[in-house]
């Protein structure tokens, strides 16, 4: 009996207020419980992480003022060739993804398309993930601006509370799906032929 092949996956993320870090951690935990070896790194402090040291890569970033973090855009751009040579996925975290209407879905899709255009990377799989409204993390100017924007959209405006819109079960399911996809794409020839 041979050991099952365990791909080594990098989950690299950028997080401004911490929600994307939590999402990346939950995704990594799900990947890990599905027979995948995972390393999770923040792009800001691990910009020299190299895709070629891993079998597959998941990139996660949040949207602020209509754009994903510059450090993750730079990391993808700098590692474009090697990133494209292995199974990969991209998670775009935003408040827009929390809305369940056609306009919001179109906006979330456009945010991913803008990221693809900015980086020239077209991930094999892209997902929009709902983030959080983190009033207590924002500086006074951002808190006031977000409160006004949320009031206009009919969303919570009590700045003494944060509002978590992430579907944590969906993040865990995504980890399971990606683990299966990565293992299928990376399985050694002997495993593929014996499964046939």
Foldseek 3Di string as FASTA:
>chain_A
DDDADAWEEEEEEEDDQCFQVVLSVLLQVLLVVQRHHYDYYYLVVPLVDALVVGQEYEYEFEDDPLATDPSSLVSCLVRVVSNVVHAYEYEYEYQLVLDDDPVSVVSQVVRVVVSCVSRVHDHPYYYYWYAKAQLVRDDPVVLVVVLVVQVVVVHDNPSVDMGGSGPSVVSSVVSNVVSVVRSVVPPPPVVVVVVD
